Amino acid sequence: MKTLVVYVSVHHGNTEKVARAIAGELGADLVTIDGARQADLKAYDLICFGSGIFFGKHHKSLLEFVENLPHGEGKKAFVFSTSGKGDPAQNAFLKDLLKKKGYAVIGEFACKGWDSWGPFRIIGGINKGRPNESDLEEAKEFARGLKERFRTTSSS
């Protein structure tokens, strides 16, 4: 299973930590959004898309990248995010966008990350130190489960 992890990590490196944990567990190629623009996505069996959450959605550059992708023709994908909430529901917009582009979304992951945006800056942010080792282990566990889901959905 040739896998690519595409991510955007802007402020504190939260998303990059999670992207590295997932990519390491999957033996995946890891690229920022800039690197993804040069990548041959057709060469991958599974593509991961992740970023922090901004105003309830993934980073604008990631959403624009996905909007400009050619039709996925059923290619398998998964999404992940980091945010102050760590709520998987915040993945919904990107998942729907990928589905509209013809991708089969086979999983999602979300965890809390250090958030010092806006009013949180006054108090030094929330979730400082997150994602922590426990969060990264959950990301790795998610990736291990993803391998199994990929095998299952590929043989169907």
C-alpha atoms as a PDB file:
ATOM      1  CA  MET A   1       0.000   0.000   0.000  1.00  0.00           C
ATOM      2  CA  LYS A   2       1.792   3.110  -1.228  1.00  0.00           C
ATOM      3  CA  THR A   3       0.666   5.999   0.960  1.00  0.00           C
ATOM      4  CA  LEU A   4       1.097   9.772   0.912  1.00  0.00           C
ATOM      5  CA  VAL A   5       0.449  12.083   3.860  1.00  0.00           C
ATOM      6  CA  VAL A   6      -0.208  15.692   2.807  1.00  0.00           C
ATOM      7  CA  TYR A   7      -0.348  18.234   5.613  1.00  0.00           C
ATOM      8  CA  VAL A   8      -0.382  21.917   6.509  1.00  0.00           C
ATOM      9  CA  SER A   9       1.095  22.895   9.887  1.00  0.00           C
ATOM     10  CA  VAL A  10       1.047  26.632  10.530  1.00  0.00           C
ATOM     11  CA  HIS A  11       1.451  27.777  14.133  1.00  0.00           C
ATOM     12  CA  HIS A  12       2.847  25.399  16.737  1.00  0.00           C
ATOM     13  CA  GLY A  13       3.763  22.281  14.750  1.00  0.00           C
ATOM     14  CA  ASN A  14       0.765  20.367  16.141  1.00  0.00           C
ATOM     15  CA  THR A  15      -0.299  18.955  12.805  1.00  0.00           C
ATOM     16  CA  GLU A  16       3.237  18.112  11.750  1.00  0.00           C
ATOM     17  CA  LYS A  17       3.693  15.966  14.878  1.00  0.00           C
ATOM     18  CA  VAL A  18       0.542  13.996  14.093  1.00  0.00           C
ATOM     19  CA  ALA A  19       1.403  13.755  10.381  1.00  0.00           C
ATOM     20  CA  ARG A  20       4.846  12.335  11.237  1.00  0.00           C
ATOM     21  CA  ALA A  21       3.342   9.790  13.656  1.00  0.00           C
ATOM     22  CA  ILE A  22       0.798   8.583  11.082  1.00  0.00           C
ATOM     23  CA  ALA A  23       3.303   8.553   8.216  1.00  0.00           C
ATOM     24  CA  GLY A  24       5.843   6.655  10.318  1.00  0.00           C
ATOM     25  CA  GLU A  25       3.326   3.988  11.234  1.00  0.00           C
ATOM     26  CA  LEU A  26       2.185   3.600   7.621  1.00  0.00           C
ATOM     27  CA  GLY A  27       5.635   3.854   6.052  1.00  0.00           C
ATOM     28  CA  ALA A  28       4.167   6.727   4.038  1.00  0.00           C
ATOM     29  CA  ASP A  29       5.741   9.542   2.092  1.00  0.00           C
ATOM     30  CA  LEU A  30       5.231  12.811   3.972  1.00  0.00           C
ATOM     31  CA  VAL A  31       4.861  16.177   2.209  1.00  0.00           C
ATOM     32  CA  THR A  32       3.657  19.648   3.007  1.00  0.00           C
ATOM     33  CA  ILE A  33       1.032  21.174   0.775  1.00  0.00           C
ATOM     34  CA  ASP A  34       3.792  22.728  -1.360  1.00  0.00           C
ATOM     35  CA  GLY A  35       5.390  19.318  -1.921  1.00  0.00           C
ATOM     36  CA  ALA A  36       2.001  17.817  -2.744  1.00  0.00           C
ATOM     37  CA  ARG A  37       1.585  20.214  -5.637  1.00  0.00           C
ATOM     38  CA  GLN A  38       4.554  18.513  -7.327  1.00  0.00           C
ATOM     39  CA  ALA A  39       3.646  14.946  -6.307  1.00  0.00           C
ATOM     40  CA  ASP A  40       2.153  12.394  -8.683  1.00  0.00           C
ATOM     41  CA  LEU A  41      -0.938  11.505  -6.661  1.00  0.00           C
ATOM     42  CA  LYS A  42      -1.869   8.764  -9.121  1.00  0.00           C
ATOM     43  CA  ALA A  43       1.164   6.812  -7.881  1.00  0.00           C
ATOM     44  CA  TYR A  44      -0.417   6.377  -4.418  1.00  0.00           C
ATOM     45  CA  ASP A  45      -2.984   3.831  -3.246  1.00  0.00           C
ATOM     46  CA  LEU A  46      -3.984   5.885  -0.200  1.00  0.00           C
ATOM     47  CA  ILE A  47      -3.715   9.631   0.415  1.00  0.00           C
ATOM     48  CA  CYS A  48      -4.052  11.389   3.753  1.00  0.00           C
ATOM     49  CA  PHE A  49      -5.010  15.054   4.058  1.00  0.00           C
ATOM     50  CA  GLY A  50      -4.577  16.959   7.321  1.00  0.00           C
ATOM     51  CA  SER A  51      -4.204  20.364   8.921  1.00  0.00           C
ATOM     52  CA  GLY A  52      -5.194  22.404  11.898  1.00  0.00           C
ATOM     53  CA  ILE A  53      -8.743  23.692  12.098  1.00  0.00           C
ATOM     54  CA  PHE A  54      -9.422  27.359  11.383  1.00  0.00           C
ATOM     55  CA  PHE A  55     -12.935  28.746  11.853  1.00  0.00           C
ATOM     56  CA  GLY A  56     -14.356  25.216  11.886  1.00  0.00           C
ATOM     57  CA  LYS A  57     -12.593  23.946   8.735  1.00  0.00           C
ATOM     58  CA  HIS A  58      -9.200  22.673   7.616  1.00  0.00           C
ATOM     59  CA  HIS A  59      -6.622  25.234   6.506  1.00  0.00           C
ATOM     60  CA  LYS A  60      -7.621  27.242   3.437  1.00  0.00           C
ATOM     61  CA  SER A  61      -4.595  26.106   1.398  1.00  0.00           C
ATOM     62  CA  LEU A  62      -5.480  22.436   1.940  1.00  0.00           C
ATOM     63  CA  LEU A  63      -9.109  22.991   0.953  1.00  0.00           C
ATOM     64  CA  GLU A  64      -8.035  24.870  -2.199  1.00  0.00           C
ATOM     65  CA  PHE A  65      -5.621  22.058  -3.053  1.00  0.00           C
ATOM     66  CA  VAL A  66      -8.382  19.440  -2.746  1.00  0.00           C
ATOM     67  CA  GLU A  67     -10.824  21.601  -4.721  1.00  0.00           C
ATOM     68  CA  ASN A  68      -8.336  21.663  -7.604  1.00  0.00           C
ATOM     69  CA  LEU A  69      -7.628  17.923  -7.634  1.00  0.00           C
ATOM     70  CA  PRO A  70      -8.816  15.894 -10.600  1.00  0.00           C
ATOM     71  CA  HIS A  71     -11.591  13.377  -9.955  1.00  0.00           C
ATOM     72  CA  GLY A  72     -10.340  10.712  -7.537  1.00  0.00           C
ATOM     73  CA  GLU A  73     -12.010   7.796  -9.344  1.00  0.00           C
ATOM     74  CA  GLY A  74     -12.581   5.969  -6.049  1.00  0.00           C
ATOM     75  CA  LYS A  75      -9.008   6.436  -4.779  1.00  0.00           C
ATOM     76  CA  LYS A  76      -8.910   5.862  -1.033  1.00  0.00           C
ATOM     77  CA  ALA A  77      -8.253   8.771   1.334  1.00  0.00           C
ATOM     78  CA  PHE A  78      -8.417   9.680   4.992  1.00  0.00           C
ATOM     79  CA  VAL A  79      -8.349  12.960   6.883  1.00  0.00           C
ATOM     80  CA  PHE A  80      -6.988  14.212  10.164  1.00  0.00           C
ATOM     81  CA  SER A  81      -6.951  17.435  12.136  1.00  0.00           C
ATOM     82  CA  THR A  82      -5.653  19.141  15.244  1.00  0.00           C
ATOM     83  CA  SER A  83      -7.550  21.887  17.034  1.00  0.00           C
ATOM     84  CA  GLY A  84      -8.423  23.395  20.360  1.00  0.00           C
ATOM     85  CA  LYS A  85     -11.507  21.171  20.470  1.00  0.00           C
ATOM     86  CA  GLY A  86     -10.007  18.024  18.963  1.00  0.00           C
ATOM     87  CA  ASP A  87     -13.461  17.233  17.594  1.00  0.00           C
ATOM     88  CA  PRO A  88     -13.734  14.781  14.648  1.00  0.00           C
ATOM     89  CA  ALA A  89     -16.896  16.603  13.529  1.00  0.00           C
ATOM     90  CA  GLN A  90     -14.581  19.380  12.324  1.00  0.00           C
ATOM     91  CA  ASN A  91     -13.348  16.982   9.615  1.00  0.00           C
ATOM     92  CA  ALA A  92     -16.775  16.927   7.942  1.00  0.00           C
ATOM     93  CA  PHE A  93     -16.221  19.701   5.399  1.00  0.00           C
ATOM     94  CA  LEU A  94     -12.990  18.174   4.046  1.00  0.00           C
ATOM     95  CA  LYS A  95     -14.481  14.669   4.015  1.00  0.00           C
ATOM     96  CA  ASP A  96     -17.480  15.910   2.016  1.00  0.00           C
ATOM     97  CA  LEU A  97     -15.216  17.794  -0.381  1.00  0.00           C
ATOM     98  CA  LEU A  98     -13.128  14.666  -1.005  1.00  0.00           C
ATOM     99  CA  LYS A  99     -16.246  12.575  -1.571  1.00  0.00           C
ATOM    100  CA  LYS A 100     -17.530  15.131  -4.099  1.00  0.00           C
ATOM    101  CA  LYS A 101     -14.162  14.842  -5.850  1.00  0.00           C
ATOM    102  CA  GLY A 102     -14.651  11.065  -6.147  1.00  0.00           C
ATOM    103  CA  TYR A 103     -12.466   9.878  -3.265  1.00  0.00           C
ATOM    104  CA  ALA A 104     -13.503   7.030  -0.947  1.00  0.00           C
ATOM    105  CA  VAL A 105     -12.869   8.345   2.570  1.00  0.00           C
ATOM    106  CA  ILE A 106     -12.018   5.327   4.739  1.00  0.00           C
ATOM    107  CA  GLY A 107     -11.155   7.048   8.013  1.00  0.00           C
ATOM    108  CA  GLU A 108     -10.598  10.169  10.056  1.00  0.00           C
ATOM    109  CA  PHE A 109      -8.647  11.218  13.114  1.00  0.00           C
ATOM    110  CA  ALA A 110      -8.739  14.328  15.305  1.00  0.00           C
ATOM    111  CA  CYS A 111      -6.892  15.349  18.420  1.00  0.00           C
ATOM    112  CA  LYS A 112      -6.410  18.408  20.571  1.00  0.00           C
ATOM    113  CA  GLY A 113      -3.547  20.736  19.824  1.00  0.00           C
ATOM    114  CA  TRP A 114      -2.094  23.808  21.451  1.00  0.00           C
ATOM    115  CA  ASP A 115      -4.336  26.688  20.417  1.00  0.00           C
ATOM    116  CA  SER A 116      -3.215  30.247  21.080  1.00  0.00           C
ATOM    117  CA  TRP A 117      -5.317  31.997  18.492  1.00  0.00           C
ATOM    118  CA  GLY A 118      -7.493  35.036  19.232  1.00  0.00           C
ATOM    119  CA  PRO A 119      -8.734  35.328  22.798  1.00  0.00           C
ATOM    120  CA  PHE A 120      -6.799  32.219  23.879  1.00  0.00           C
ATOM    121  CA  ARG A 121      -3.599  34.232  23.399  1.00  0.00           C
ATOM    122  CA  ILE A 122      -4.444  36.333  26.467  1.00  0.00           C
ATOM    123  CA  ILE A 123      -4.227  33.286  28.740  1.00  0.00           C
ATOM    124  CA  GLY A 124      -1.292  31.653  26.949  1.00  0.00           C
ATOM    125  CA  GLY A 125      -3.484  29.366  24.888  1.00  0.00           C
ATOM    126  CA  ILE A 126      -5.301  26.126  25.618  1.00  0.00           C
ATOM    127  CA  ASN A 127      -4.042  22.555  25.401  1.00  0.00           C
ATOM    128  CA  LYS A 128      -0.407  23.592  25.785  1.00  0.00           C
ATOM    129  CA  GLY A 129       1.783  20.535  25.301  1.00  0.00           C
ATOM    130  CA  ARG A 130      -0.730  18.858  22.991  1.00  0.00           C
ATOM    131  CA  PRO A 131      -0.551  16.782  20.994  1.00  0.00           C
ATOM    132  CA  ASN A 132       1.300  14.840  23.667  1.00  0.00           C
ATOM    133  CA  GLU A 133       2.769  11.333  23.634  1.00  0.00           C
ATOM    134  CA  SER A 134      -0.638   9.836  24.382  1.00  0.00           C
ATOM    135  CA  ASP A 135      -2.208  11.720  21.450  1.00  0.00           C
ATOM    136  CA  LEU A 136       0.583  10.587  19.143  1.00  0.00           C
ATOM    137  CA  GLU A 137       0.137   6.987  20.259  1.00  0.00           C
ATOM    138  CA  GLU A 138      -3.586   7.308  19.432  1.00  0.00           C
ATOM    139  CA  ALA A 139      -2.609   8.604  15.987  1.00  0.00           C
ATOM    140  CA  LYS A 140      -0.363   5.572  15.492  1.00  0.00           C
ATOM    141  CA  GLU A 141      -3.138   3.256  16.666  1.00  0.00           C
ATOM    142  CA  PHE A 142      -5.484   4.930  14.190  1.00  0.00           C
ATOM    143  CA  ALA A 143      -2.914   4.316  11.424  1.00  0.00           C
ATOM    144  CA  ARG A 144      -2.622   0.642  12.359  1.00  0.00           C
ATOM    145  CA  GLY A 145      -6.401   0.306  12.134  1.00  0.00           C
ATOM    146  CA  LEU A 146      -6.331   2.149   8.843  1.00  0.00           C
ATOM    147  CA  LYS A 147      -4.047  -0.493   7.353  1.00  0.00           C
ATOM    148  CA  GLU A 148      -6.669  -3.110   8.158  1.00  0.00           C
ATOM    149  CA  ARG A 149      -9.534  -0.993   6.771  1.00  0.00           C
ATOM    150  CA  PHE A 150      -7.534  -0.438   3.592  1.00  0.00           C
ATOM    151  CA  ARG A 151      -7.040  -4.184   3.150  1.00  0.00           C
ATOM    152  CA  THR A 152     -10.731  -4.812   3.813  1.00  0.00           C
ATOM    153  CA  THR A 153     -11.986  -2.115   1.432  1.00  0.00           C
ATOM    154  CA  SER A 154      -9.476  -3.117  -1.259  1.00  0.00           C
ATOM    155  CA  SER A 155     -10.610  -6.729  -1.275  1.00  0.00           C
ATOM    156  CA  SER A 156     -14.319  -5.818  -1.469  1.00  0.00           C
END
